[in-house]
Amino acid sequence: MELSWIDVVDTAVKIGFGAVITAISGYLVLIKSQSYESDKEIKERFYKLQDEKKIKYVEFLAQSQELIQSHLYTSSLPNSEEYKCYLRIFNEVQIVSSNEVRAIAYKLMSAISHFIFLNKNAQEIELVSDMVRLAREKVALFQEVVQIEVTQSPGK
């Protein structure tokens, strides 16, 4: 059986065409799997950051409410350890938050600071009550805004 040049070319084309198809499909599968892995990694980082934010937001809210409760009838000093801890968590919140949350957190921190540093003995009860109400409203507003932020889906 003699092979003619047409048979040789035909066999080479068939083998080559199969190799090209295999190479292209392998390349496409590789691209798709890398894309999937990349998306998976992005989502993992997103959810990890969301969890970190939740922890910091809850701590900031808890410390805000503790400062309100513990200073209903007494004043605090700016150099107290509890206030320094509060400033630390406030700054942590500022670092990981969106601009909207940062602005609300600042308003909350400001309302808390004004209230706890107020000399309660020298003030009318109505002023103290109004400041407590304002601080609690800021807590509620902060809760509302961060609830939206930490429950959003990746890509939004």
N, C-alpha and C. Protein backbone atom coordinates (compact mmCIF):
# COMPACT_ATOMS: atom_id res chain seq x y z
N MET A 1 0.84 -1.16 0.00
CA MET A 1 0.00 0.00 0.00
C MET A 1 0.89 1.23 0.00
N GLU A 2 0.75 1.95 -1.04
CA GLU A 2 1.55 3.16 -1.17
C GLU A 2 0.74 4.36 -0.72
N LEU A 3 1.42 5.21 0.01
CA LEU A 3 0.77 6.44 0.45
C LEU A 3 1.11 7.55 -0.53
N SER A 4 0.11 8.18 -0.99
CA SER A 4 0.34 9.31 -1.87
C SER A 4 0.44 10.58 -1.03
N TRP A 5 0.93 11.58 -1.63
CA TRP A 5 1.10 12.83 -0.89
C TRP A 5 -0.25 13.37 -0.42
N ILE A 6 -1.33 13.08 -1.10
CA ILE A 6 -2.67 13.52 -0.70
C ILE A 6 -3.09 12.80 0.58
N ASP A 7 -2.78 11.51 0.66
CA ASP A 7 -3.10 10.76 1.88
C ASP A 7 -2.31 11.30 3.07
N VAL A 8 -1.06 11.61 2.84
CA VAL A 8 -0.21 12.15 3.91
C VAL A 8 -0.74 13.50 4.39
N VAL A 9 -1.07 14.37 3.47
CA VAL A 9 -1.60 15.69 3.82
C VAL A 9 -2.94 15.54 4.52
N ASP A 10 -3.77 14.65 4.03
CA ASP A 10 -5.08 14.41 4.65
C ASP A 10 -4.92 13.95 6.09
N THR A 11 -4.04 13.02 6.33
CA THR A 11 -3.80 12.51 7.69
C THR A 11 -3.23 13.62 8.58
N ALA A 12 -2.31 14.40 8.06
CA ALA A 12 -1.70 15.50 8.83
C ALA A 12 -2.74 16.56 9.20
N VAL A 13 -3.63 16.86 8.27
CA VAL A 13 -4.68 17.85 8.54
C VAL A 13 -5.63 17.33 9.61
N LYS A 14 -6.00 16.07 9.52
CA LYS A 14 -6.90 15.49 10.51
C LYS A 14 -6.28 15.52 11.90
N ILE A 15 -5.03 15.12 11.99
CA ILE A 15 -4.34 15.13 13.29
C ILE A 15 -4.15 16.57 13.77
N GLY A 16 -3.74 17.44 12.89
CA GLY A 16 -3.51 18.85 13.25
C GLY A 16 -4.80 19.55 13.66
N PHE A 17 -5.87 19.26 12.92
CA PHE A 17 -7.16 19.88 13.24
C PHE A 17 -7.65 19.44 14.62
N GLY A 18 -7.48 18.17 14.94
CA GLY A 18 -7.85 17.66 16.27
C GLY A 18 -7.02 18.31 17.36
N ALA A 19 -5.74 18.51 17.09
CA ALA A 19 -4.86 19.15 18.08
C ALA A 19 -5.26 20.61 18.29
N VAL A 20 -5.62 21.30 17.22
CA VAL A 20 -6.05 22.70 17.33
C VAL A 20 -7.34 22.80 18.15
N ILE A 21 -8.27 21.90 17.87
CA ILE A 21 -9.53 21.90 18.63
C ILE A 21 -9.25 21.63 20.11
N THR A 22 -8.40 20.68 20.39
CA THR A 22 -8.05 20.36 21.77
C THR A 22 -7.38 21.55 22.45
N ALA A 23 -6.46 22.20 21.77
CA ALA A 23 -5.75 23.35 22.33
C ALA A 23 -6.71 24.50 22.63
N ILE A 24 -7.60 24.78 21.69
CA ILE A 24 -8.56 25.88 21.89
C ILE A 24 -9.51 25.58 23.03
N SER A 25 -10.04 24.37 23.08
CA SER A 25 -10.96 24.03 24.17
C SER A 25 -10.23 24.04 25.52
N GLY A 26 -9.00 23.56 25.55
CA GLY A 26 -8.20 23.61 26.79
C GLY A 26 -7.97 25.03 27.25
N TYR A 27 -7.66 25.91 26.30
CA TYR A 27 -7.45 27.32 26.62
C TYR A 27 -8.73 27.96 27.18
N LEU A 28 -9.86 27.67 26.55
CA LEU A 28 -11.13 28.23 27.01
C LEU A 28 -11.50 27.72 28.41
N VAL A 29 -11.27 26.44 28.67
CA VAL A 29 -11.54 25.88 30.00
C VAL A 29 -10.63 26.54 31.04
N LEU A 30 -9.37 26.75 30.70
CA LEU A 30 -8.43 27.40 31.61
C LEU A 30 -8.87 28.83 31.93
N ILE A 31 -9.25 29.59 30.93
CA ILE A 31 -9.71 30.97 31.12
C ILE A 31 -10.95 30.99 32.01
N LYS A 32 -11.88 30.10 31.75
CA LYS A 32 -13.13 30.04 32.52
C LYS A 32 -12.84 29.69 33.99
N SER A 33 -11.98 28.72 34.23
CA SER A 33 -11.68 28.32 35.62
C SER A 33 -10.92 29.42 36.35
N GLN A 34 -10.02 30.12 35.65
CA GLN A 34 -9.31 31.23 36.29
C GLN A 34 -10.27 32.36 36.62
N SER A 35 -11.21 32.62 35.74
CA SER A 35 -12.21 33.66 35.99
C SER A 35 -13.06 33.29 37.20
N TYR A 36 -13.45 32.03 37.29
CA TYR A 36 -14.24 31.56 38.43
C TYR A 36 -13.45 31.71 39.72
N GLU A 37 -12.19 31.32 39.72
CA GLU A 37 -11.35 31.42 40.92
C GLU A 37 -11.16 32.88 41.33
N SER A 38 -10.98 33.74 40.34
CA SER A 38 -10.82 35.16 40.63
C SER A 38 -12.09 35.74 41.25
N ASP A 39 -13.24 35.42 40.68
CA ASP A 39 -14.51 35.89 41.23
C ASP A 39 -14.73 35.35 42.64
N LYS A 40 -14.37 34.10 42.85
CA LYS A 40 -14.51 33.47 44.16
C LYS A 40 -13.64 34.21 45.20
N GLU A 41 -12.42 34.52 44.82
CA GLU A 41 -11.50 35.22 45.73
C GLU A 41 -12.02 36.63 46.04
N ILE A 42 -12.54 37.32 45.05
CA ILE A 42 -13.09 38.67 45.27
C ILE A 42 -14.26 38.61 46.23
N LYS A 43 -15.14 37.62 46.06
CA LYS A 43 -16.29 37.48 46.95
C LYS A 43 -15.85 37.14 48.37
N GLU A 44 -14.84 36.28 48.50
CA GLU A 44 -14.34 35.92 49.83
C GLU A 44 -13.79 37.15 50.55
N ARG A 45 -13.03 37.97 49.83
CA ARG A 45 -12.49 39.20 50.42
C ARG A 45 -13.61 40.16 50.79
N PHE A 46 -14.62 40.26 49.93
CA PHE A 46 -15.75 41.13 50.20
C PHE A 46 -16.45 40.72 51.50
N TYR A 47 -16.76 39.41 51.62
CA TYR A 47 -17.47 38.94 52.81
C TYR A 47 -16.60 39.02 54.07
N LYS A 48 -15.32 38.85 53.92
CA LYS A 48 -14.41 39.00 55.07
C LYS A 48 -14.42 40.45 55.55
N LEU A 49 -14.38 41.40 54.62
CA LEU A 49 -14.44 42.81 54.98
C LEU A 49 -15.79 43.15 55.61
N GLN A 50 -16.87 42.57 55.07
CA GLN A 50 -18.20 42.79 55.65
C GLN A 50 -18.24 42.30 57.10
N ASP A 51 -17.67 41.14 57.36
CA ASP A 51 -17.64 40.61 58.73
C ASP A 51 -16.82 41.52 59.65
N GLU A 52 -15.70 42.00 59.14
CA GLU A 52 -14.86 42.90 59.93
C GLU A 52 -15.62 44.19 60.24
N LYS A 53 -16.33 44.71 59.26
CA LYS A 53 -17.12 45.92 59.47
C LYS A 53 -18.20 45.69 60.52
N LYS A 54 -18.89 44.55 60.43
CA LYS A 54 -19.94 44.24 61.41
C LYS A 54 -19.39 44.26 62.82
N ILE A 55 -18.26 43.63 63.01
CA ILE A 55 -17.64 43.57 64.35
C ILE A 55 -17.32 44.98 64.84
N LYS A 56 -16.73 45.78 63.99
CA LYS A 56 -16.36 47.15 64.39
C LYS A 56 -17.60 48.01 64.63
N TYR A 57 -18.62 47.87 63.79
CA TYR A 57 -19.84 48.65 63.95
C TYR A 57 -20.56 48.28 65.25
N VAL A 58 -20.63 47.00 65.54
CA VAL A 58 -21.30 46.57 66.77
C VAL A 58 -20.53 47.09 67.98
N GLU A 59 -19.22 47.02 67.93
CA GLU A 59 -18.41 47.52 69.05
C GLU A 59 -18.60 49.03 69.22
N PHE A 60 -18.61 49.75 68.14
CA PHE A 60 -18.81 51.20 68.20
C PHE A 60 -20.19 51.54 68.77
N LEU A 61 -21.20 50.82 68.30
CA LEU A 61 -22.56 51.04 68.82
C LEU A 61 -22.64 50.70 70.31
N ALA A 62 -22.06 49.58 70.69
CA ALA A 62 -22.11 49.15 72.09
C ALA A 62 -21.40 50.16 73.00
N GLN A 63 -20.24 50.62 72.57
CA GLN A 63 -19.52 51.61 73.38
C GLN A 63 -20.28 52.93 73.42
N SER A 64 -20.91 53.31 72.34
CA SER A 64 -21.71 54.55 72.33
C SER A 64 -22.84 54.45 73.36
N GLN A 65 -23.54 53.34 73.34
CA GLN A 65 -24.66 53.17 74.27
C GLN A 65 -24.17 53.03 75.71
N GLU A 66 -23.04 52.38 75.91
CA GLU A 66 -22.48 52.27 77.26
C GLU A 66 -22.10 53.65 77.81
N LEU A 67 -21.51 54.49 76.96
CA LEU A 67 -21.13 55.83 77.41
C LEU A 67 -22.36 56.65 77.76
N ILE A 68 -23.42 56.53 76.99
CA ILE A 68 -24.66 57.24 77.31
C ILE A 68 -25.17 56.79 78.67
N GLN A 69 -25.29 55.48 78.84
CA GLN A 69 -25.85 54.95 80.09
C GLN A 69 -24.97 55.27 81.30
N SER A 70 -23.67 55.12 81.16
CA SER A 70 -22.80 55.32 82.31
C SER A 70 -22.60 56.79 82.67
N HIS A 71 -23.01 57.69 81.79
CA HIS A 71 -22.84 59.12 82.07
C HIS A 71 -24.17 59.88 82.06
N LEU A 72 -25.23 59.19 82.41
CA LEU A 72 -26.52 59.87 82.50
C LEU A 72 -26.51 60.95 83.59
N TYR A 73 -25.80 60.68 84.68
CA TYR A 73 -25.82 61.59 85.82
C TYR A 73 -24.44 62.14 86.17
N THR A 74 -23.41 61.65 85.50
CA THR A 74 -22.06 62.11 85.78
C THR A 74 -21.38 62.52 84.49
N SER A 75 -20.33 63.30 84.64
CA SER A 75 -19.55 63.74 83.49
C SER A 75 -18.33 62.85 83.33
N SER A 76 -17.76 62.90 82.15
CA SER A 76 -16.54 62.15 81.86
C SER A 76 -15.42 63.13 81.54
N LEU A 77 -14.22 62.65 81.66
CA LEU A 77 -13.06 63.46 81.30
C LEU A 77 -12.53 63.00 79.94
N PRO A 78 -12.02 63.92 79.15
CA PRO A 78 -11.52 63.55 77.82
C PRO A 78 -10.33 62.58 77.85
N ASN A 79 -9.64 62.51 78.97
CA ASN A 79 -8.48 61.62 79.05
C ASN A 79 -8.80 60.30 79.76
N SER A 80 -10.07 60.00 79.95
CA SER A 80 -10.44 58.75 80.60
C SER A 80 -10.16 57.57 79.66
N GLU A 81 -9.90 56.42 80.25
CA GLU A 81 -9.60 55.23 79.45
C GLU A 81 -10.78 54.81 78.58
N GLU A 82 -12.00 54.93 79.14
CA GLU A 82 -13.17 54.52 78.36
C GLU A 82 -13.34 55.41 77.13
N TYR A 83 -13.04 56.69 77.27
CA TYR A 83 -13.16 57.58 76.12
C TYR A 83 -12.05 57.32 75.10
N LYS A 84 -10.86 57.01 75.57
CA LYS A 84 -9.76 56.67 74.66
C LYS A 84 -10.09 55.40 73.87
N CYS A 85 -10.69 54.41 74.52
CA CYS A 85 -11.12 53.19 73.83
C CYS A 85 -12.19 53.52 72.79
N TYR A 86 -13.08 54.43 73.17
CA TYR A 86 -14.14 54.85 72.25
C TYR A 86 -13.54 55.53 71.02
N LEU A 87 -12.56 56.38 71.21
CA LEU A 87 -11.91 57.05 70.08
C LEU A 87 -11.19 56.04 69.18
N ARG A 88 -10.61 55.02 69.79
CA ARG A 88 -9.92 53.99 69.00
C ARG A 88 -10.91 53.26 68.08
N ILE A 89 -12.03 52.82 68.64
CA ILE A 89 -12.99 52.09 67.81
C ILE A 89 -13.62 53.04 66.78
N PHE A 90 -13.80 54.31 67.15
CA PHE A 90 -14.30 55.29 66.19
C PHE A 90 -13.35 55.39 65.00
N ASN A 91 -12.07 55.47 65.26
CA ASN A 91 -11.09 55.57 64.17
C ASN A 91 -11.03 54.30 63.34
N GLU A 92 -11.20 53.15 63.96
CA GLU A 92 -11.24 51.91 63.20
C GLU A 92 -12.45 51.90 62.26
N VAL A 93 -13.58 52.38 62.75
CA VAL A 93 -14.78 52.47 61.92
C VAL A 93 -14.53 53.43 60.76
N GLN A 94 -13.87 54.53 61.02
CA GLN A 94 -13.60 55.51 59.97
C GLN A 94 -12.74 54.92 58.85
N ILE A 95 -11.83 54.04 59.21
CA ILE A 95 -10.90 53.49 58.22
C ILE A 95 -11.59 52.50 57.27
N VAL A 96 -12.51 51.70 57.78
CA VAL A 96 -13.09 50.63 56.95
C VAL A 96 -14.43 51.00 56.31
N SER A 97 -14.92 52.20 56.56
CA SER A 97 -16.28 52.55 56.15
C SER A 97 -16.34 53.36 54.88
N SER A 98 -17.54 53.38 54.31
CA SER A 98 -17.81 54.25 53.17
C SER A 98 -17.93 55.69 53.68
N ASN A 99 -17.93 56.64 52.78
CA ASN A 99 -18.02 58.05 53.18
C ASN A 99 -19.32 58.34 53.92
N GLU A 100 -20.41 57.72 53.50
CA GLU A 100 -21.70 57.95 54.17
C GLU A 100 -21.65 57.48 55.62
N VAL A 101 -21.11 56.29 55.84
CA VAL A 101 -21.01 55.76 57.20
C VAL A 101 -20.04 56.58 58.03
N ARG A 102 -18.96 57.01 57.43
CA ARG A 102 -17.98 57.83 58.15
C ARG A 102 -18.62 59.12 58.65
N ALA A 103 -19.41 59.76 57.82
CA ALA A 103 -20.07 61.02 58.21
C ALA A 103 -21.05 60.78 59.36
N ILE A 104 -21.83 59.72 59.29
CA ILE A 104 -22.79 59.41 60.35
C ILE A 104 -22.06 59.03 61.63
N ALA A 105 -20.97 58.27 61.50
CA ALA A 105 -20.19 57.87 62.69
C ALA A 105 -19.61 59.11 63.38
N TYR A 106 -19.16 60.08 62.58
CA TYR A 106 -18.63 61.31 63.18
C TYR A 106 -19.73 62.06 63.95
N LYS A 107 -20.91 62.14 63.37
CA LYS A 107 -22.01 62.82 64.05
C LYS A 107 -22.37 62.10 65.34
N LEU A 108 -22.35 60.78 65.31
CA LEU A 108 -22.63 59.99 66.52
C LEU A 108 -21.57 60.23 67.57
N MET A 109 -20.31 60.14 67.18
CA MET A 109 -19.21 60.37 68.13
C MET A 109 -19.28 61.77 68.72
N SER A 110 -19.60 62.73 67.90
CA SER A 110 -19.71 64.12 68.37
C SER A 110 -20.83 64.27 69.38
N ALA A 111 -21.99 63.69 69.10
CA ALA A 111 -23.12 63.78 70.04
C ALA A 111 -22.80 63.08 71.36
N ILE A 112 -22.15 61.93 71.27
CA ILE A 112 -21.76 61.20 72.49
C ILE A 112 -20.77 62.03 73.29
N SER A 113 -19.77 62.58 72.63
CA SER A 113 -18.75 63.38 73.32
C SER A 113 -19.38 64.59 74.01
N HIS A 114 -20.23 65.30 73.31
CA HIS A 114 -20.88 66.46 73.92
C HIS A 114 -21.67 66.06 75.16
N PHE A 115 -22.35 64.95 75.07
CA PHE A 115 -23.17 64.51 76.20
C PHE A 115 -22.32 64.07 77.39
N ILE A 116 -21.32 63.24 77.16
CA ILE A 116 -20.59 62.69 78.31
C ILE A 116 -19.70 63.74 78.98
N PHE A 117 -19.27 64.77 78.25
CA PHE A 117 -18.44 65.80 78.84
C PHE A 117 -19.26 66.91 79.52
N LEU A 118 -20.56 66.91 79.29
CA LEU A 118 -21.43 67.92 79.89
C LEU A 118 -21.46 67.76 81.40
N ASN A 119 -21.31 68.88 82.12
CA ASN A 119 -21.40 68.86 83.58
C ASN A 119 -22.88 68.73 83.93
N LYS A 120 -23.27 67.55 84.32
CA LYS A 120 -24.70 67.25 84.56
C LYS A 120 -25.25 67.99 85.78
N ASN A 121 -24.40 68.29 86.74
CA ASN A 121 -24.87 68.95 87.97
C ASN A 121 -25.24 70.41 87.73
N ALA A 122 -24.63 71.04 86.75
CA ALA A 122 -24.86 72.46 86.53
C ALA A 122 -25.88 72.73 85.42
N GLN A 123 -26.54 71.71 84.92
CA GLN A 123 -27.44 71.88 83.79
C GLN A 123 -28.88 71.56 84.16
N GLU A 124 -29.77 72.14 83.39
CA GLU A 124 -31.18 71.82 83.56
C GLU A 124 -31.43 70.40 83.07
N ILE A 125 -32.36 69.75 83.70
CA ILE A 125 -32.68 68.36 83.36
C ILE A 125 -33.17 68.26 81.92
N GLU A 126 -33.86 69.29 81.43
CA GLU A 126 -34.38 69.26 80.06
C GLU A 126 -33.25 69.25 79.04
N LEU A 127 -32.19 70.03 79.29
CA LEU A 127 -31.04 70.05 78.38
C LEU A 127 -30.37 68.67 78.35
N VAL A 128 -30.19 68.09 79.51
CA VAL A 128 -29.58 66.76 79.59
C VAL A 128 -30.45 65.74 78.85
N SER A 129 -31.76 65.80 79.06
CA SER A 129 -32.68 64.88 78.38
C SER A 129 -32.63 65.05 76.87
N ASP A 130 -32.57 66.30 76.41
CA ASP A 130 -32.48 66.55 74.97
C ASP A 130 -31.18 66.00 74.38
N MET A 131 -30.10 66.13 75.12
CA MET A 131 -28.82 65.62 74.63
C MET A 131 -28.81 64.09 74.59
N VAL A 132 -29.44 63.46 75.57
CA VAL A 132 -29.55 62.00 75.56
C VAL A 132 -30.39 61.56 74.37
N ARG A 133 -31.50 62.24 74.15
CA ARG A 133 -32.37 61.91 73.02
C ARG A 133 -31.60 62.07 71.71
N LEU A 134 -30.87 63.17 71.56
CA LEU A 134 -30.10 63.41 70.34
C LEU A 134 -29.04 62.31 70.14
N ALA A 135 -28.35 61.95 71.19
CA ALA A 135 -27.33 60.90 71.09
C ALA A 135 -27.97 59.57 70.69
N ARG A 136 -29.10 59.25 71.28
CA ARG A 136 -29.78 57.99 70.94
C ARG A 136 -30.32 58.00 69.51
N GLU A 137 -30.75 59.16 69.04
CA GLU A 137 -31.18 59.27 67.64
C GLU A 137 -30.00 59.02 66.70
N LYS A 138 -28.84 59.54 67.06
CA LYS A 138 -27.64 59.31 66.24
C LYS A 138 -27.26 57.83 66.24
N VAL A 139 -27.44 57.16 67.38
CA VAL A 139 -27.18 55.72 67.45
C VAL A 139 -28.11 55.00 66.48
N ALA A 140 -29.39 55.36 66.52
CA ALA A 140 -30.37 54.71 65.65
C ALA A 140 -30.06 54.97 64.17
N LEU A 141 -29.68 56.19 63.85
CA LEU A 141 -29.34 56.52 62.46
C LEU A 141 -28.11 55.73 62.00
N PHE A 142 -27.12 55.64 62.87
CA PHE A 142 -25.93 54.87 62.54
C PHE A 142 -26.30 53.40 62.30
N GLN A 143 -27.14 52.85 63.16
CA GLN A 143 -27.58 51.46 63.00
C GLN A 143 -28.25 51.26 61.65
N GLU A 144 -29.09 52.19 61.27
CA GLU A 144 -29.82 52.07 60.00
C GLU A 144 -28.87 52.08 58.81
N VAL A 145 -27.92 53.00 58.82
CA VAL A 145 -27.01 53.14 57.69
C VAL A 145 -26.07 51.94 57.59
N VAL A 146 -25.52 51.50 58.72
CA VAL A 146 -24.58 50.37 58.64
C VAL A 146 -25.29 49.06 58.33
N GLN A 147 -26.54 48.94 58.71
CA GLN A 147 -27.30 47.73 58.39
C GLN A 147 -27.41 47.60 56.88
N ILE A 148 -27.62 48.69 56.20
CA ILE A 148 -27.69 48.67 54.74
C ILE A 148 -26.33 48.31 54.15
N GLU A 149 -25.27 48.89 54.71
CA GLU A 149 -23.94 48.64 54.17
C GLU A 149 -23.49 47.19 54.35
N VAL A 150 -23.72 46.62 55.51
CA VAL A 150 -23.19 45.27 55.76
C VAL A 150 -24.06 44.16 55.18
N THR A 151 -25.24 44.49 54.66
CA THR A 151 -26.08 43.45 54.08
C THR A 151 -26.11 43.52 52.54
N GLN A 152 -25.32 44.41 51.97
CA GLN A 152 -25.32 44.48 50.51
C GLN A 152 -24.56 43.30 49.91
N SER A 153 -24.86 43.02 48.68
CA SER A 153 -24.22 41.91 47.96
C SER A 153 -22.94 42.40 47.29
N PRO A 154 -22.04 41.47 46.97
CA PRO A 154 -20.82 41.90 46.25
C PRO A 154 -21.16 42.50 44.90
N GLY A 155 -20.39 43.47 44.50
CA GLY A 155 -20.60 44.09 43.20
C GLY A 155 -21.54 45.27 43.22
N LYS A 156 -22.06 45.63 44.40
CA LYS A 156 -22.97 46.79 44.48
C LYS A 156 -22.21 47.98 44.98
